[in-house]
């Protein structure tokens, strides 16, 4: 049976292609700018091309939200075949995307669009889309998604503080100290805020620490491991979680270009929605 409402998200959800097709989800790309050149995340540039270019670049690229017009165009197209739409986006404190979606929705008359600030980033957004897509009505979908937003967690391990410092998320002094001591920061994104959880001296110690932290938050409804050019480590973390929690499915996903601008290469994340 075809769903009466559409599900929309943006490219920072790192939505697996298979889910996009299975659940019929539309994805609006954010943009990455290298100097004068603009690339749509996941459309004009794939992850491998992005990280190769990032490594060769002396200056950090910038990122930008889609325009209200891009959202309006998509919503107008969806209005032809759907009664309404749920549009789930990157946290307001991290990007202007959700505000652009709201403005875009206002210009499509007679079509209900529930624009939702997920207060998170990467695959917890994909899980919220899955939850919405499995609901029978738009009202049910919005309620189910909103109920889960406070339970979304992104536990991230950065290999270097260089990129997050260049993007203005931490101070230069803090980044320099981290680099000099080879400290690996563990960060938690929860309810729209980025909080430091721990600083571990080596990557080999930091990875088990992530799994320990996750174990303290079990039970969970959904979990995934995400990475930026670190597939072997991501698979090992996923296997470790599966061995500890055999009832959980643990997909492994890749961090896209926009999020990768701020994390840099070799970032790892355990992302989940608490029960």
C-alpha atoms as a PDB file:
ATOM      1  CA  UNK A   1       0.000   0.000   0.000  1.00  0.00           C
ATOM      2  CA  UNK A   2       1.393   3.384  -1.032  1.00  0.00           C
ATOM      3  CA  UNK A   3       1.954   5.838   1.813  1.00  0.00           C
ATOM      4  CA  UNK A   4      -0.261   8.936   1.652  1.00  0.00           C
ATOM      5  CA  UNK A   5       2.520  11.257   2.888  1.00  0.00           C
ATOM      6  CA  UNK A   6       6.092  11.901   1.746  1.00  0.00           C
ATOM      7  CA  UNK A   7       9.261  11.622   3.854  1.00  0.00           C
ATOM      8  CA  UNK A   8      12.064  14.138   3.236  1.00  0.00           C
ATOM      9  CA  UNK A   9      15.473  14.593   4.846  1.00  0.00           C
ATOM     10  CA  UNK A  10      18.804  16.188   3.940  1.00  0.00           C
ATOM     11  CA  UNK A  11      22.169  14.741   2.956  1.00  0.00           C
ATOM     12  CA  UNK A  12      23.626  14.969   6.488  1.00  0.00           C
ATOM     13  CA  UNK A  13      21.376  12.022   7.461  1.00  0.00           C
ATOM     14  CA  UNK A  14      23.921   9.778   5.651  1.00  0.00           C
ATOM     15  CA  UNK A  15      20.917   7.748   4.518  1.00  0.00           C
ATOM     16  CA  UNK A  16      21.986   4.427   2.948  1.00  0.00           C
ATOM     17  CA  UNK A  17      20.909   4.152  -0.712  1.00  0.00           C
ATOM     18  CA  UNK A  18      19.024   0.926   0.027  1.00  0.00           C
ATOM     19  CA  UNK A  19      16.899   2.679   2.684  1.00  0.00           C
ATOM     20  CA  UNK A  20      16.215   5.564   0.325  1.00  0.00           C
ATOM     21  CA  UNK A  21      14.700   3.163  -2.192  1.00  0.00           C
ATOM     22  CA  UNK A  22      12.989   0.836   0.302  1.00  0.00           C
ATOM     23  CA  UNK A  23      11.249   3.641   2.219  1.00  0.00           C
ATOM     24  CA  UNK A  24      10.854   6.094  -0.705  1.00  0.00           C
ATOM     25  CA  UNK A  25      12.672   8.993   1.040  1.00  0.00           C
ATOM     26  CA  UNK A  26      13.632  12.219  -0.756  1.00  0.00           C
ATOM     27  CA  UNK A  27      17.021  13.722   0.155  1.00  0.00           C
ATOM     28  CA  UNK A  28      17.868  17.424  -0.269  1.00  0.00           C
ATOM     29  CA  UNK A  29      21.646  17.940  -0.559  1.00  0.00           C
ATOM     30  CA  UNK A  30      23.619  20.492   1.429  1.00  0.00           C
ATOM     31  CA  UNK A  31      26.600  22.026  -0.353  1.00  0.00           C
ATOM     32  CA  UNK A  32      30.383  21.982   0.078  1.00  0.00           C
ATOM     33  CA  UNK A  33      32.388  24.928  -1.263  1.00  0.00           C
ATOM     34  CA  UNK A  34      36.062  24.645  -2.197  1.00  0.00           C
ATOM     35  CA  UNK A  35      36.909  28.279  -2.984  1.00  0.00           C
ATOM     36  CA  UNK A  36      34.660  29.324  -5.882  1.00  0.00           C
ATOM     37  CA  UNK A  37      33.553  25.764  -6.668  1.00  0.00           C
ATOM     38  CA  UNK A  38      30.272  24.455  -5.218  1.00  0.00           C
ATOM     39  CA  UNK A  39      29.396  20.759  -4.968  1.00  0.00           C
ATOM     40  CA  UNK A  40      26.108  19.211  -3.852  1.00  0.00           C
ATOM     41  CA  UNK A  41      26.776  16.669  -1.097  1.00  0.00           C
ATOM     42  CA  UNK A  42      26.477  13.141  -2.502  1.00  0.00           C
ATOM     43  CA  UNK A  43      25.356  14.404  -5.945  1.00  0.00           C
ATOM     44  CA  UNK A  44      28.277  16.236  -7.576  1.00  0.00           C
ATOM     45  CA  UNK A  45      30.953  14.693  -5.355  1.00  0.00           C
ATOM     46  CA  UNK A  46      31.158  11.329  -3.612  1.00  0.00           C
ATOM     47  CA  UNK A  47      32.867  10.640  -0.280  1.00  0.00           C
ATOM     48  CA  UNK A  48      36.112   9.290  -1.786  1.00  0.00           C
ATOM     49  CA  UNK A  49      36.526  12.347  -4.063  1.00  0.00           C
ATOM     50  CA  UNK A  50      35.741  14.687  -1.176  1.00  0.00           C
ATOM     51  CA  UNK A  51      38.266  13.253   1.301  1.00  0.00           C
ATOM     52  CA  UNK A  52      40.985  13.113  -1.387  1.00  0.00           C
ATOM     53  CA  UNK A  53      40.388  16.782  -2.114  1.00  0.00           C
ATOM     54  CA  UNK A  54      40.197  17.677   1.604  1.00  0.00           C
ATOM     55  CA  UNK A  55      43.608  16.051   2.214  1.00  0.00           C
ATOM     56  CA  UNK A  56      45.156  18.077  -0.626  1.00  0.00           C
ATOM     57  CA  UNK A  57      43.534  21.385   0.393  1.00  0.00           C
ATOM     58  CA  UNK A  58      45.440  23.946   2.477  1.00  0.00           C
ATOM     59  CA  UNK A  59      42.187  25.734   3.342  1.00  0.00           C
ATOM     60  CA  UNK A  60      39.130  24.099   4.890  1.00  0.00           C
ATOM     61  CA  UNK A  61      36.100  24.064   2.571  1.00  0.00           C
ATOM     62  CA  UNK A  62      32.921  25.718   3.774  1.00  0.00           C
ATOM     63  CA  UNK A  63      29.426  24.250   3.851  1.00  0.00           C
ATOM     64  CA  UNK A  64      26.012  25.756   3.193  1.00  0.00           C
ATOM     65  CA  UNK A  65      22.372  24.823   3.672  1.00  0.00           C
ATOM     66  CA  UNK A  66      19.967  24.278   0.764  1.00  0.00           C
ATOM     67  CA  UNK A  67      17.947  27.375  -0.186  1.00  0.00           C
ATOM     68  CA  UNK A  68      14.254  27.775   0.733  1.00  0.00           C
ATOM     69  CA  UNK A  69      13.573  27.682  -3.016  1.00  0.00           C
ATOM     70  CA  UNK A  70      15.083  24.198  -3.332  1.00  0.00           C
ATOM     71  CA  UNK A  71      12.783  22.957  -0.575  1.00  0.00           C
ATOM     72  CA  UNK A  72       9.746  24.736  -2.068  1.00  0.00           C
ATOM     73  CA  UNK A  73      10.414  23.118  -5.462  1.00  0.00           C
ATOM     74  CA  UNK A  74      10.571  19.631  -3.906  1.00  0.00           C
ATOM     75  CA  UNK A  75       7.461  20.141  -1.737  1.00  0.00           C
ATOM     76  CA  UNK A  76       5.489  21.458  -4.751  1.00  0.00           C
ATOM     77  CA  UNK A  77       6.440  18.324  -6.721  1.00  0.00           C
ATOM     78  CA  UNK A  78       5.513  16.027  -3.811  1.00  0.00           C
ATOM     79  CA  UNK A  79       2.157  17.805  -3.384  1.00  0.00           C
ATOM     80  CA  UNK A  80       0.998  16.338  -6.721  1.00  0.00           C
ATOM     81  CA  UNK A  81       1.053  12.763  -5.373  1.00  0.00           C
ATOM     82  CA  UNK A  82       0.839  13.089  -1.571  1.00  0.00           C
ATOM     83  CA  UNK A  83      -1.537  14.503   1.054  1.00  0.00           C
ATOM     84  CA  UNK A  84       1.315  15.885   3.183  1.00  0.00           C
ATOM     85  CA  UNK A  85       4.982  15.561   4.059  1.00  0.00           C
ATOM     86  CA  UNK A  86       7.281  15.084   7.055  1.00  0.00           C
ATOM     87  CA  UNK A  87      10.646  16.796   6.561  1.00  0.00           C
ATOM     88  CA  UNK A  88      13.338  15.791   9.082  1.00  0.00           C
ATOM     89  CA  UNK A  89      16.537  17.851   9.229  1.00  0.00           C
ATOM     90  CA  UNK A  90      19.905  18.518  10.782  1.00  0.00           C
ATOM     91  CA  UNK A  91      19.769  20.239  14.192  1.00  0.00           C
ATOM     92  CA  UNK A  92      19.132  24.000  14.125  1.00  0.00           C
ATOM     93  CA  UNK A  93      22.174  24.637  16.358  1.00  0.00           C
ATOM     94  CA  UNK A  94      24.388  22.972  13.715  1.00  0.00           C
ATOM     95  CA  UNK A  95      22.941  24.413  10.480  1.00  0.00           C
ATOM     96  CA  UNK A  96      20.340  26.749   8.950  1.00  0.00           C
ATOM     97  CA  UNK A  97      18.846  23.836   6.961  1.00  0.00           C
ATOM     98  CA  UNK A  98      15.717  23.362   9.084  1.00  0.00           C
ATOM     99  CA  UNK A  99      14.905  27.086   8.857  1.00  0.00           C
ATOM    100  CA  UNK A 100      15.285  26.992   5.044  1.00  0.00           C
ATOM    101  CA  UNK A 101      12.884  24.023   4.975  1.00  0.00           C
ATOM    102  CA  UNK A 102      10.316  25.972   7.066  1.00  0.00           C
ATOM    103  CA  UNK A 103      10.485  28.991   4.761  1.00  0.00           C
ATOM    104  CA  UNK A 104      10.222  26.734   1.695  1.00  0.00           C
ATOM    105  CA  UNK A 105       7.191  24.942   3.139  1.00  0.00           C
ATOM    106  CA  UNK A 106       5.327  28.238   3.717  1.00  0.00           C
ATOM    107  CA  UNK A 107       5.386  29.010  -0.003  1.00  0.00           C
ATOM    108  CA  UNK A 108       3.517  25.810  -0.990  1.00  0.00           C
ATOM    109  CA  UNK A 109      -0.130  26.585  -0.241  1.00  0.00           C
ATOM    110  CA  UNK A 110      -2.594  23.861   0.690  1.00  0.00           C
ATOM    111  CA  UNK A 111       0.073  21.215   1.344  1.00  0.00           C
ATOM    112  CA  UNK A 112       0.845  20.251   4.934  1.00  0.00           C
ATOM    113  CA  UNK A 113       4.588  19.985   5.651  1.00  0.00           C
ATOM    114  CA  UNK A 114       5.673  19.028   9.179  1.00  0.00           C
ATOM    115  CA  UNK A 115       9.254  20.352   9.348  1.00  0.00           C
ATOM    116  CA  UNK A 116      11.132  18.663  12.204  1.00  0.00           C
ATOM    117  CA  UNK A 117      14.368  19.780  13.867  1.00  0.00           C
ATOM    118  CA  UNK A 118      16.041  16.439  14.666  1.00  0.00           C
ATOM    119  CA  UNK A 119      18.529  18.151  17.060  1.00  0.00           C
ATOM    120  CA  UNK A 120      21.081  15.658  15.719  1.00  0.00           C
ATOM    121  CA  UNK A 121      23.135  14.673  12.674  1.00  0.00           C
ATOM    122  CA  UNK A 122      24.091  11.600  10.606  1.00  0.00           C
ATOM    123  CA  UNK A 123      22.308   8.234  10.925  1.00  0.00           C
ATOM    124  CA  UNK A 124      19.996   8.975  13.888  1.00  0.00           C
ATOM    125  CA  UNK A 125      18.225  11.171  11.298  1.00  0.00           C
ATOM    126  CA  UNK A 126      18.087   8.157   8.967  1.00  0.00           C
ATOM    127  CA  UNK A 127      16.529   6.094  11.787  1.00  0.00           C
ATOM    128  CA  UNK A 128      13.935   8.846  12.367  1.00  0.00           C
ATOM    129  CA  UNK A 129      13.085   8.714   8.636  1.00  0.00           C
ATOM    130  CA  UNK A 130      12.661   4.940   8.878  1.00  0.00           C
ATOM    131  CA  UNK A 131      10.348   5.370  11.900  1.00  0.00           C
ATOM    132  CA  UNK A 132       8.284   7.952   9.972  1.00  0.00           C
ATOM    133  CA  UNK A 133       8.114   5.827   6.812  1.00  0.00           C
ATOM    134  CA  UNK A 134       6.720   2.865   8.758  1.00  0.00           C
ATOM    135  CA  UNK A 135       3.810   4.914  10.178  1.00  0.00           C
ATOM    136  CA  UNK A 136       0.307   4.840   8.698  1.00  0.00           C
ATOM    137  CA  UNK A 137      -0.421   8.589   8.810  1.00  0.00           C
ATOM    138  CA  UNK A 138       1.446  11.890   8.859  1.00  0.00           C
ATOM    139  CA  UNK A 139       0.091  12.717  12.336  1.00  0.00           C
ATOM    140  CA  UNK A 140       1.337   9.369  13.661  1.00  0.00           C
ATOM    141  CA  UNK A 141       4.713   9.827  11.933  1.00  0.00           C
ATOM    142  CA  UNK A 142       5.295  13.310  13.412  1.00  0.00           C
ATOM    143  CA  UNK A 143       4.387  12.132  16.921  1.00  0.00           C
ATOM    144  CA  UNK A 144       6.620   9.030  16.681  1.00  0.00           C
ATOM    145  CA  UNK A 145       9.594  11.082  15.438  1.00  0.00           C
ATOM    146  CA  UNK A 146       9.209  13.879  18.025  1.00  0.00           C
ATOM    147  CA  UNK A 147       9.018  11.340  20.834  1.00  0.00           C
ATOM    148  CA  UNK A 148      12.404   9.886  19.815  1.00  0.00           C
ATOM    149  CA  UNK A 149      14.359  13.131  19.255  1.00  0.00           C
ATOM    150  CA  UNK A 150      15.450  13.542  22.925  1.00  0.00           C
ATOM    151  CA  UNK A 151      16.738   9.945  22.827  1.00  0.00           C
ATOM    152  CA  UNK A 152      19.054  10.416  19.804  1.00  0.00           C
ATOM    153  CA  UNK A 153      22.791  10.171  20.506  1.00  0.00           C
ATOM    154  CA  UNK A 154      25.929  10.597  18.375  1.00  0.00           C
ATOM    155  CA  UNK A 155      29.138   9.530  20.103  1.00  0.00           C
ATOM    156  CA  UNK A 156      32.018  10.678  17.908  1.00  0.00           C
ATOM    157  CA  UNK A 157      35.747  10.011  18.009  1.00  0.00           C
ATOM    158  CA  UNK A 158      37.848  12.508  16.061  1.00  0.00           C
ATOM    159  CA  UNK A 159      41.308  11.568  14.879  1.00  0.00           C
ATOM    160  CA  UNK A 160      42.421  15.191  14.997  1.00  0.00           C
ATOM    161  CA  UNK A 161      40.962  18.422  16.366  1.00  0.00           C
ATOM    162  CA  UNK A 162      42.250  20.403  13.360  1.00  0.00           C
ATOM    163  CA  UNK A 163      39.009  20.359  11.355  1.00  0.00           C
ATOM    164  CA  UNK A 164      36.591  21.045  14.187  1.00  0.00           C
ATOM    165  CA  UNK A 165      38.851  23.933  15.295  1.00  0.00           C
ATOM    166  CA  UNK A 166      39.052  25.361  11.738  1.00  0.00           C
ATOM    167  CA  UNK A 167      35.264  25.136  11.554  1.00  0.00           C
ATOM    168  CA  UNK A 168      34.994  27.242  14.729  1.00  0.00           C
ATOM    169  CA  UNK A 169      33.579  24.510  16.985  1.00  0.00           C
ATOM    170  CA  UNK A 170      36.468  24.549  19.534  1.00  0.00           C
ATOM    171  CA  UNK A 171      39.161  27.086  20.434  1.00  0.00           C
ATOM    172  CA  UNK A 172      42.564  27.091  18.748  1.00  0.00           C
ATOM    173  CA  UNK A 173      44.322  26.630  22.135  1.00  0.00           C
ATOM    174  CA  UNK A 174      42.202  23.589  22.932  1.00  0.00           C
ATOM    175  CA  UNK A 175      42.925  22.093  19.499  1.00  0.00           C
ATOM    176  CA  UNK A 176      46.656  22.800  19.825  1.00  0.00           C
ATOM    177  CA  UNK A 177      46.847  21.144  23.257  1.00  0.00           C
ATOM    178  CA  UNK A 178      44.939  18.153  21.887  1.00  0.00           C
ATOM    179  CA  UNK A 179      47.354  17.856  18.959  1.00  0.00           C
ATOM    180  CA  UNK A 180      50.509  18.249  21.086  1.00  0.00           C
ATOM    181  CA  UNK A 181      49.380  15.596  23.560  1.00  0.00           C
ATOM    182  CA  UNK A 182      47.906  13.427  20.780  1.00  0.00           C
ATOM    183  CA  UNK A 183      44.621  13.487  22.702  1.00  0.00           C
ATOM    184  CA  UNK A 184      41.666  11.886  20.943  1.00  0.00           C
ATOM    185  CA  UNK A 185      38.475  13.749  21.883  1.00  0.00           C
ATOM    186  CA  UNK A 186      35.235  11.816  22.394  1.00  0.00           C
ATOM    187  CA  UNK A 187      32.279  14.103  21.699  1.00  0.00           C
ATOM    188  CA  UNK A 188      28.568  13.561  22.312  1.00  0.00           C
ATOM    189  CA  UNK A 189      25.860  15.211  20.206  1.00  0.00           C
ATOM    190  CA  UNK A 190      22.600  15.129  22.185  1.00  0.00           C
ATOM    191  CA  UNK A 191      19.565  17.456  22.097  1.00  0.00           C
ATOM    192  CA  UNK A 192      21.292  19.873  19.726  1.00  0.00           C
ATOM    193  CA  UNK A 193      24.488  20.309  21.754  1.00  0.00           C
ATOM    194  CA  UNK A 194      28.047  19.080  21.211  1.00  0.00           C
ATOM    195  CA  UNK A 195      29.581  18.087  24.547  1.00  0.00           C
ATOM    196  CA  UNK A 196      33.041  16.653  25.298  1.00  0.00           C
ATOM    197  CA  UNK A 197      32.668  13.286  27.025  1.00  0.00           C
ATOM    198  CA  UNK A 198      36.267  12.170  27.431  1.00  0.00           C
ATOM    199  CA  UNK A 199      39.804  12.702  26.166  1.00  0.00           C
ATOM    200  CA  UNK A 200      41.779   9.557  25.582  1.00  0.00           C
ATOM    201  CA  UNK A 201      45.520   9.518  24.897  1.00  0.00           C
ATOM    202  CA  UNK A 202      45.509   7.030  22.023  1.00  0.00           C
ATOM    203  CA  UNK A 203      43.089   5.932  19.330  1.00  0.00           C
ATOM    204  CA  UNK A 204      43.510   2.278  20.347  1.00  0.00           C
ATOM    205  CA  UNK A 205      42.222   3.142  23.839  1.00  0.00           C
ATOM    206  CA  UNK A 206      39.535   5.515  22.619  1.00  0.00           C
ATOM    207  CA  UNK A 207      37.723   2.915  20.495  1.00  0.00           C
ATOM    208  CA  UNK A 208      36.927   0.503  23.391  1.00  0.00           C
ATOM    209  CA  UNK A 209      35.947   3.563  25.473  1.00  0.00           C
ATOM    210  CA  UNK A 210      33.272   4.380  22.874  1.00  0.00           C
ATOM    211  CA  UNK A 211      31.786   0.895  23.159  1.00  0.00           C
ATOM    212  CA  UNK A 212      31.843   1.126  26.984  1.00  0.00           C
ATOM    213  CA  UNK A 213      29.989   4.441  26.821  1.00  0.00           C
ATOM    214  CA  UNK A 214      27.409   2.922  24.467  1.00  0.00           C
ATOM    215  CA  UNK A 215      26.938  -0.078  26.786  1.00  0.00           C
ATOM    216  CA  UNK A 216      25.942   2.323  29.585  1.00  0.00           C
ATOM    217  CA  UNK A 217      23.078   3.659  27.411  1.00  0.00           C
ATOM    218  CA  UNK A 218      21.605   0.266  26.457  1.00  0.00           C
ATOM    219  CA  UNK A 219      18.766  -0.631  25.829  1.00  0.00           C
ATOM    220  CA  UNK A 220      18.515   1.091  22.447  1.00  0.00           C
ATOM    221  CA  UNK A 221      15.970   0.982  19.650  1.00  0.00           C
ATOM    222  CA  UNK A 222      18.434   1.506  16.781  1.00  0.00           C
ATOM    223  CA  UNK A 223      22.237   1.657  16.530  1.00  0.00           C
ATOM    224  CA  UNK A 224      24.758   2.112  13.715  1.00  0.00           C
ATOM    225  CA  UNK A 225      28.472   2.769  13.344  1.00  0.00           C
ATOM    226  CA  UNK A 226      29.550   5.573  10.994  1.00  0.00           C
ATOM    227  CA  UNK A 227      33.008   6.468   9.726  1.00  0.00           C
ATOM    228  CA  UNK A 228      35.013   8.842   7.541  1.00  0.00           C
ATOM    229  CA  UNK A 229      37.521   6.737   5.581  1.00  0.00           C
ATOM    230  CA  UNK A 230      37.960   4.188   8.386  1.00  0.00           C
ATOM    231  CA  UNK A 231      35.902   1.167   7.229  1.00  0.00           C
ATOM    232  CA  UNK A 232      37.956  -1.573   8.932  1.00  0.00           C
ATOM    233  CA  UNK A 233      37.773   0.078  12.357  1.00  0.00           C
ATOM    234  CA  UNK A 234      34.059   0.777  11.894  1.00  0.00           C
ATOM    235  CA  UNK A 235      33.403  -2.884  11.054  1.00  0.00           C
ATOM    236  CA  UNK A 236      35.372  -3.977  14.134  1.00  0.00           C
ATOM    237  CA  UNK A 237      33.315  -1.692  16.401  1.00  0.00           C
ATOM    238  CA  UNK A 238      30.080  -2.964  14.831  1.00  0.00           C
ATOM    239  CA  UNK A 239      31.200  -6.590  15.331  1.00  0.00           C
ATOM    240  CA  UNK A 240      32.078  -5.831  18.968  1.00  0.00           C
ATOM    241  CA  UNK A 241      28.616  -4.322  19.602  1.00  0.00           C
ATOM    242  CA  UNK A 242      26.903  -7.255  17.851  1.00  0.00           C
ATOM    243  CA  UNK A 243      28.824  -9.759  20.015  1.00  0.00           C
ATOM    244  CA  UNK A 244      27.786  -7.923  23.203  1.00  0.00           C
ATOM    245  CA  UNK A 245      24.190  -7.352  22.044  1.00  0.00           C
ATOM    246  CA  UNK A 246      23.204 -10.181  19.664  1.00  0.00           C
ATOM    247  CA  UNK A 247      19.622  -8.890  19.405  1.00  0.00           C
ATOM    248  CA  UNK A 248      20.761  -5.641  17.717  1.00  0.00           C
ATOM    249  CA  UNK A 249      21.238  -5.021  14.014  1.00  0.00           C
ATOM    250  CA  UNK A 250      24.292  -2.761  13.604  1.00  0.00           C
ATOM    251  CA  UNK A 251      24.622  -1.293  10.093  1.00  0.00           C
ATOM    252  CA  UNK A 252      27.831   0.527   9.111  1.00  0.00           C
ATOM    253  CA  UNK A 253      27.521   3.818   7.222  1.00  0.00           C
ATOM    254  CA  UNK A 254      29.784   6.485   5.752  1.00  0.00           C
ATOM    255  CA  UNK A 255      29.936  10.109   6.876  1.00  0.00           C
ATOM    256  CA  UNK A 256      29.200  12.407   3.928  1.00  0.00           C
ATOM    257  CA  UNK A 257      31.011  15.477   2.615  1.00  0.00           C
ATOM    258  CA  UNK A 258      29.307  18.162   4.733  1.00  0.00           C
ATOM    259  CA  UNK A 259      29.792  16.424   8.071  1.00  0.00           C
ATOM    260  CA  UNK A 260      33.249  15.250   6.949  1.00  0.00           C
ATOM    261  CA  UNK A 261      34.282  18.914   6.545  1.00  0.00           C
ATOM    262  CA  UNK A 262      33.924  19.318  10.328  1.00  0.00           C
ATOM    263  CA  UNK A 263      35.120  15.885  11.506  1.00  0.00           C
ATOM    264  CA  UNK A 264      38.019  15.366   9.103  1.00  0.00           C
ATOM    265  CA  UNK A 265      39.153  11.923   7.922  1.00  0.00           C
ATOM    266  CA  UNK A 266      39.291   8.807  10.137  1.00  0.00           C
ATOM    267  CA  UNK A 267      36.434   9.999  12.374  1.00  0.00           C
ATOM    268  CA  UNK A 268      34.306   7.243  13.910  1.00  0.00           C
ATOM    269  CA  UNK A 269      30.859   7.369  15.465  1.00  0.00           C
ATOM    270  CA  UNK A 270      28.527   5.111  17.403  1.00  0.00           C
ATOM    271  CA  UNK A 271      25.061   6.543  16.780  1.00  0.00           C
ATOM    272  CA  UNK A 272      21.837   5.355  18.355  1.00  0.00           C
ATOM    273  CA  UNK A 273      18.335   6.039  19.646  1.00  0.00           C
ATOM    274  CA  UNK A 274      17.762   5.049  23.270  1.00  0.00           C
ATOM    275  CA  UNK A 275      14.664   3.050  24.177  1.00  0.00           C
END
